[in-house]
Amino acid sequence: MSQNKCPGCAYESGYRSGLQMDVSLNLPFQNLPNCQHATTQSKDIFAAFAQGYFDGVNDFHQQKTA
């Protein structure tokens, strides 16, 4: 189940994809480790990935304009 996967890892994966402006998005669901923190188990890994991607794209554009 996705609720046992690590949302922090999903965020990092999304962030890397966004920073590289990867247009073929793929959440590596099977490769994500199980979550070790009880407080984050209920977080949605898909939302975490999307937020990471968004943040990565923003940082990409900020680097280009700096």
N, C-alpha and C. Protein backbone atom coordinates (compact mmCIF):
# COMPACT_ATOMS: atom_id res chain seq x y z
N MET A 1 0.83 -1.19 0.00
CA MET A 1 0.00 0.00 0.00
C MET A 1 0.87 1.25 0.00
N SER A 2 0.41 2.28 -0.66
CA SER A 2 1.19 3.51 -0.76
C SER A 2 1.29 4.24 0.57
N GLN A 3 0.38 3.98 1.51
CA GLN A 3 0.45 4.68 2.79
C GLN A 3 1.66 4.26 3.62
N ASN A 4 2.28 3.12 3.29
CA ASN A 4 3.45 2.68 4.02
C ASN A 4 4.75 3.15 3.38
N LYS A 5 4.68 3.77 2.22
CA LYS A 5 5.87 4.26 1.53
C LYS A 5 6.27 5.62 2.07
N CYS A 6 7.53 5.95 1.91
CA CYS A 6 8.10 7.16 2.49
C CYS A 6 7.77 8.41 1.65
N PRO A 7 6.96 9.33 2.20
CA PRO A 7 6.63 10.54 1.45
C PRO A 7 7.83 11.47 1.28
N GLY A 8 8.76 11.44 2.22
CA GLY A 8 9.97 12.26 2.08
C GLY A 8 10.79 11.83 0.88
N CYS A 9 10.87 10.53 0.68
CA CYS A 9 11.59 9.99 -0.48
C CYS A 9 10.85 10.33 -1.77
N ALA A 10 9.53 10.28 -1.73
CA ALA A 10 8.72 10.65 -2.90
C ALA A 10 8.94 12.12 -3.24
N TYR A 11 9.00 12.97 -2.23
CA TYR A 11 9.25 14.40 -2.45
C TYR A 11 10.61 14.59 -3.11
N GLU A 12 11.64 13.94 -2.59
CA GLU A 12 12.99 14.08 -3.14
C GLU A 12 13.04 13.61 -4.60
N SER A 13 12.35 12.53 -4.89
CA SER A 13 12.30 12.04 -6.26
C SER A 13 11.63 13.06 -7.18
N GLY A 14 10.53 13.62 -6.73
CA GLY A 14 9.84 14.65 -7.50
C GLY A 14 10.69 15.90 -7.67
N TYR A 15 11.39 16.28 -6.61
CA TYR A 15 12.24 17.47 -6.66
C TYR A 15 13.34 17.30 -7.71
N ARG A 16 13.99 16.15 -7.70
CA ARG A 16 15.05 15.89 -8.68
C ARG A 16 14.49 15.94 -10.11
N SER A 17 13.30 15.37 -10.30
CA SER A 17 12.68 15.39 -11.63
C SER A 17 12.36 16.82 -12.06
N GLY A 18 11.85 17.61 -11.13
CA GLY A 18 11.52 19.00 -11.44
C GLY A 18 12.76 19.83 -11.72
N LEU A 19 13.80 19.63 -10.95
CA LEU A 19 15.04 20.39 -11.11
C LEU A 19 15.67 20.09 -12.46
N GLN A 20 15.46 18.87 -12.96
CA GLN A 20 16.00 18.47 -14.27
C GLN A 20 15.00 18.75 -15.40
N MET A 21 13.84 19.31 -15.04
CA MET A 21 12.78 19.59 -16.00
C MET A 21 12.40 18.34 -16.79
N ASP A 22 12.33 17.22 -16.10
CA ASP A 22 11.95 15.95 -16.70
C ASP A 22 10.48 16.01 -17.08
N VAL A 23 10.18 15.77 -18.34
CA VAL A 23 8.79 15.85 -18.80
C VAL A 23 8.09 14.50 -18.78
N SER A 24 8.83 13.43 -18.59
CA SER A 24 8.20 12.11 -18.48
C SER A 24 8.20 11.70 -17.01
N LEU A 25 7.17 12.11 -16.31
CA LEU A 25 7.10 11.88 -14.87
C LEU A 25 6.79 10.43 -14.56
N ASN A 26 7.53 9.93 -13.58
CA ASN A 26 7.33 8.56 -13.16
C ASN A 26 7.71 8.46 -11.69
N LEU A 27 6.72 8.22 -10.85
CA LEU A 27 6.99 8.01 -9.43
C LEU A 27 7.47 6.58 -9.27
N PRO A 28 8.73 6.41 -8.84
CA PRO A 28 9.26 5.05 -8.70
C PRO A 28 8.70 4.37 -7.45
N PHE A 29 7.42 4.08 -7.49
CA PHE A 29 6.68 3.56 -6.34
C PHE A 29 7.36 2.34 -5.72
N GLN A 30 7.77 1.40 -6.55
CA GLN A 30 8.35 0.16 -6.05
C GLN A 30 9.70 0.42 -5.37
N ASN A 31 10.42 1.44 -5.80
CA ASN A 31 11.75 1.72 -5.27
C ASN A 31 11.72 2.54 -3.98
N LEU A 32 10.58 3.10 -3.62
CA LEU A 32 10.51 3.89 -2.40
C LEU A 32 10.57 2.98 -1.18
N PRO A 33 11.38 3.37 -0.19
CA PRO A 33 11.42 2.56 1.03
C PRO A 33 10.15 2.74 1.84
N ASN A 34 9.89 1.80 2.72
CA ASN A 34 8.77 1.95 3.64
C ASN A 34 9.09 3.06 4.63
N CYS A 35 8.06 3.75 5.05
CA CYS A 35 8.22 4.87 5.96
C CYS A 35 8.55 4.37 7.36
N GLN A 36 9.52 5.00 7.99
CA GLN A 36 9.93 4.63 9.33
C GLN A 36 9.37 5.58 10.39
N HIS A 37 8.66 6.62 9.96
CA HIS A 37 8.15 7.63 10.88
C HIS A 37 6.63 7.54 10.96
N ALA A 38 6.13 7.29 12.12
CA ALA A 38 4.68 7.13 12.29
C ALA A 38 3.92 8.38 11.89
N THR A 39 4.52 9.56 12.06
CA THR A 39 3.81 10.81 11.76
C THR A 39 3.67 11.05 10.27
N THR A 40 4.51 10.43 9.45
CA THR A 40 4.43 10.68 8.01
C THR A 40 3.73 9.56 7.25
N GLN A 41 3.35 8.49 7.90
CA GLN A 41 2.75 7.37 7.18
C GLN A 41 1.45 7.74 6.50
N SER A 42 0.72 8.68 7.05
CA SER A 42 -0.57 9.03 6.45
C SER A 42 -0.43 10.06 5.34
N LYS A 43 0.78 10.56 5.10
CA LYS A 43 0.98 11.53 4.02
C LYS A 43 0.88 10.84 2.68
N ASP A 44 0.33 11.52 1.71
CA ASP A 44 0.14 10.98 0.38
C ASP A 44 1.44 11.09 -0.41
N ILE A 45 1.98 9.96 -0.85
CA ILE A 45 3.25 10.00 -1.59
C ILE A 45 3.09 10.67 -2.95
N PHE A 46 1.91 10.61 -3.52
CA PHE A 46 1.69 11.24 -4.82
C PHE A 46 1.65 12.77 -4.68
N ALA A 47 1.05 13.24 -3.60
CA ALA A 47 1.05 14.68 -3.33
C ALA A 47 2.47 15.15 -3.00
N ALA A 48 3.22 14.33 -2.26
CA ALA A 48 4.60 14.68 -1.92
C ALA A 48 5.45 14.76 -3.18
N PHE A 49 5.29 13.80 -4.08
CA PHE A 49 6.03 13.82 -5.34
C PHE A 49 5.69 15.08 -6.14
N ALA A 50 4.40 15.40 -6.23
CA ALA A 50 3.95 16.57 -6.99
C ALA A 50 4.51 17.85 -6.38
N GLN A 51 4.50 17.96 -5.06
CA GLN A 51 5.04 19.16 -4.41
C GLN A 51 6.55 19.26 -4.66
N GLY A 52 7.24 18.13 -4.58
CA GLY A 52 8.68 18.12 -4.87
C GLY A 52 8.96 18.55 -6.30
N TYR A 53 8.17 18.05 -7.24
CA TYR A 53 8.34 18.43 -8.64
C TYR A 53 8.13 19.93 -8.82
N PHE A 54 7.08 20.44 -8.23
CA PHE A 54 6.77 21.87 -8.30
C PHE A 54 7.94 22.70 -7.74
N ASP A 55 8.43 22.31 -6.58
CA ASP A 55 9.54 23.03 -5.96
C ASP A 55 10.81 22.94 -6.81
N GLY A 56 11.06 21.78 -7.40
CA GLY A 56 12.22 21.61 -8.27
C GLY A 56 12.15 22.48 -9.51
N VAL A 57 10.98 22.55 -10.13
CA VAL A 57 10.80 23.41 -11.31
C VAL A 57 11.02 24.88 -10.93
N ASN A 58 10.48 25.30 -9.80
CA ASN A 58 10.69 26.67 -9.34
C ASN A 58 12.16 26.97 -9.12
N ASP A 59 12.88 26.05 -8.49
CA ASP A 59 14.31 26.24 -8.26
C ASP A 59 15.08 26.26 -9.58
N PHE A 60 14.68 25.44 -10.52
CA PHE A 60 15.30 25.45 -11.86
C PHE A 60 15.20 26.84 -12.47
N HIS A 61 14.00 27.43 -12.43
CA HIS A 61 13.81 28.75 -13.03
C HIS A 61 14.54 29.84 -12.25
N GLN A 62 14.61 29.70 -10.95
CA GLN A 62 15.35 30.69 -10.15
C GLN A 62 16.84 30.64 -10.45
N GLN A 63 17.37 29.46 -10.70
CA GLN A 63 18.79 29.32 -11.04
C GLN A 63 19.07 29.95 -12.41
N LYS A 64 18.12 29.83 -13.32
CA LYS A 64 18.29 30.40 -14.66
C LYS A 64 18.27 31.92 -14.64
N THR A 65 17.52 32.51 -13.73
CA THR A 65 17.40 33.97 -13.67
C THR A 65 18.41 34.60 -12.74
N ALA A 66 19.14 33.80 -11.97
CA ALA A 66 20.11 34.36 -11.00
C ALA A 66 21.40 34.73 -11.68
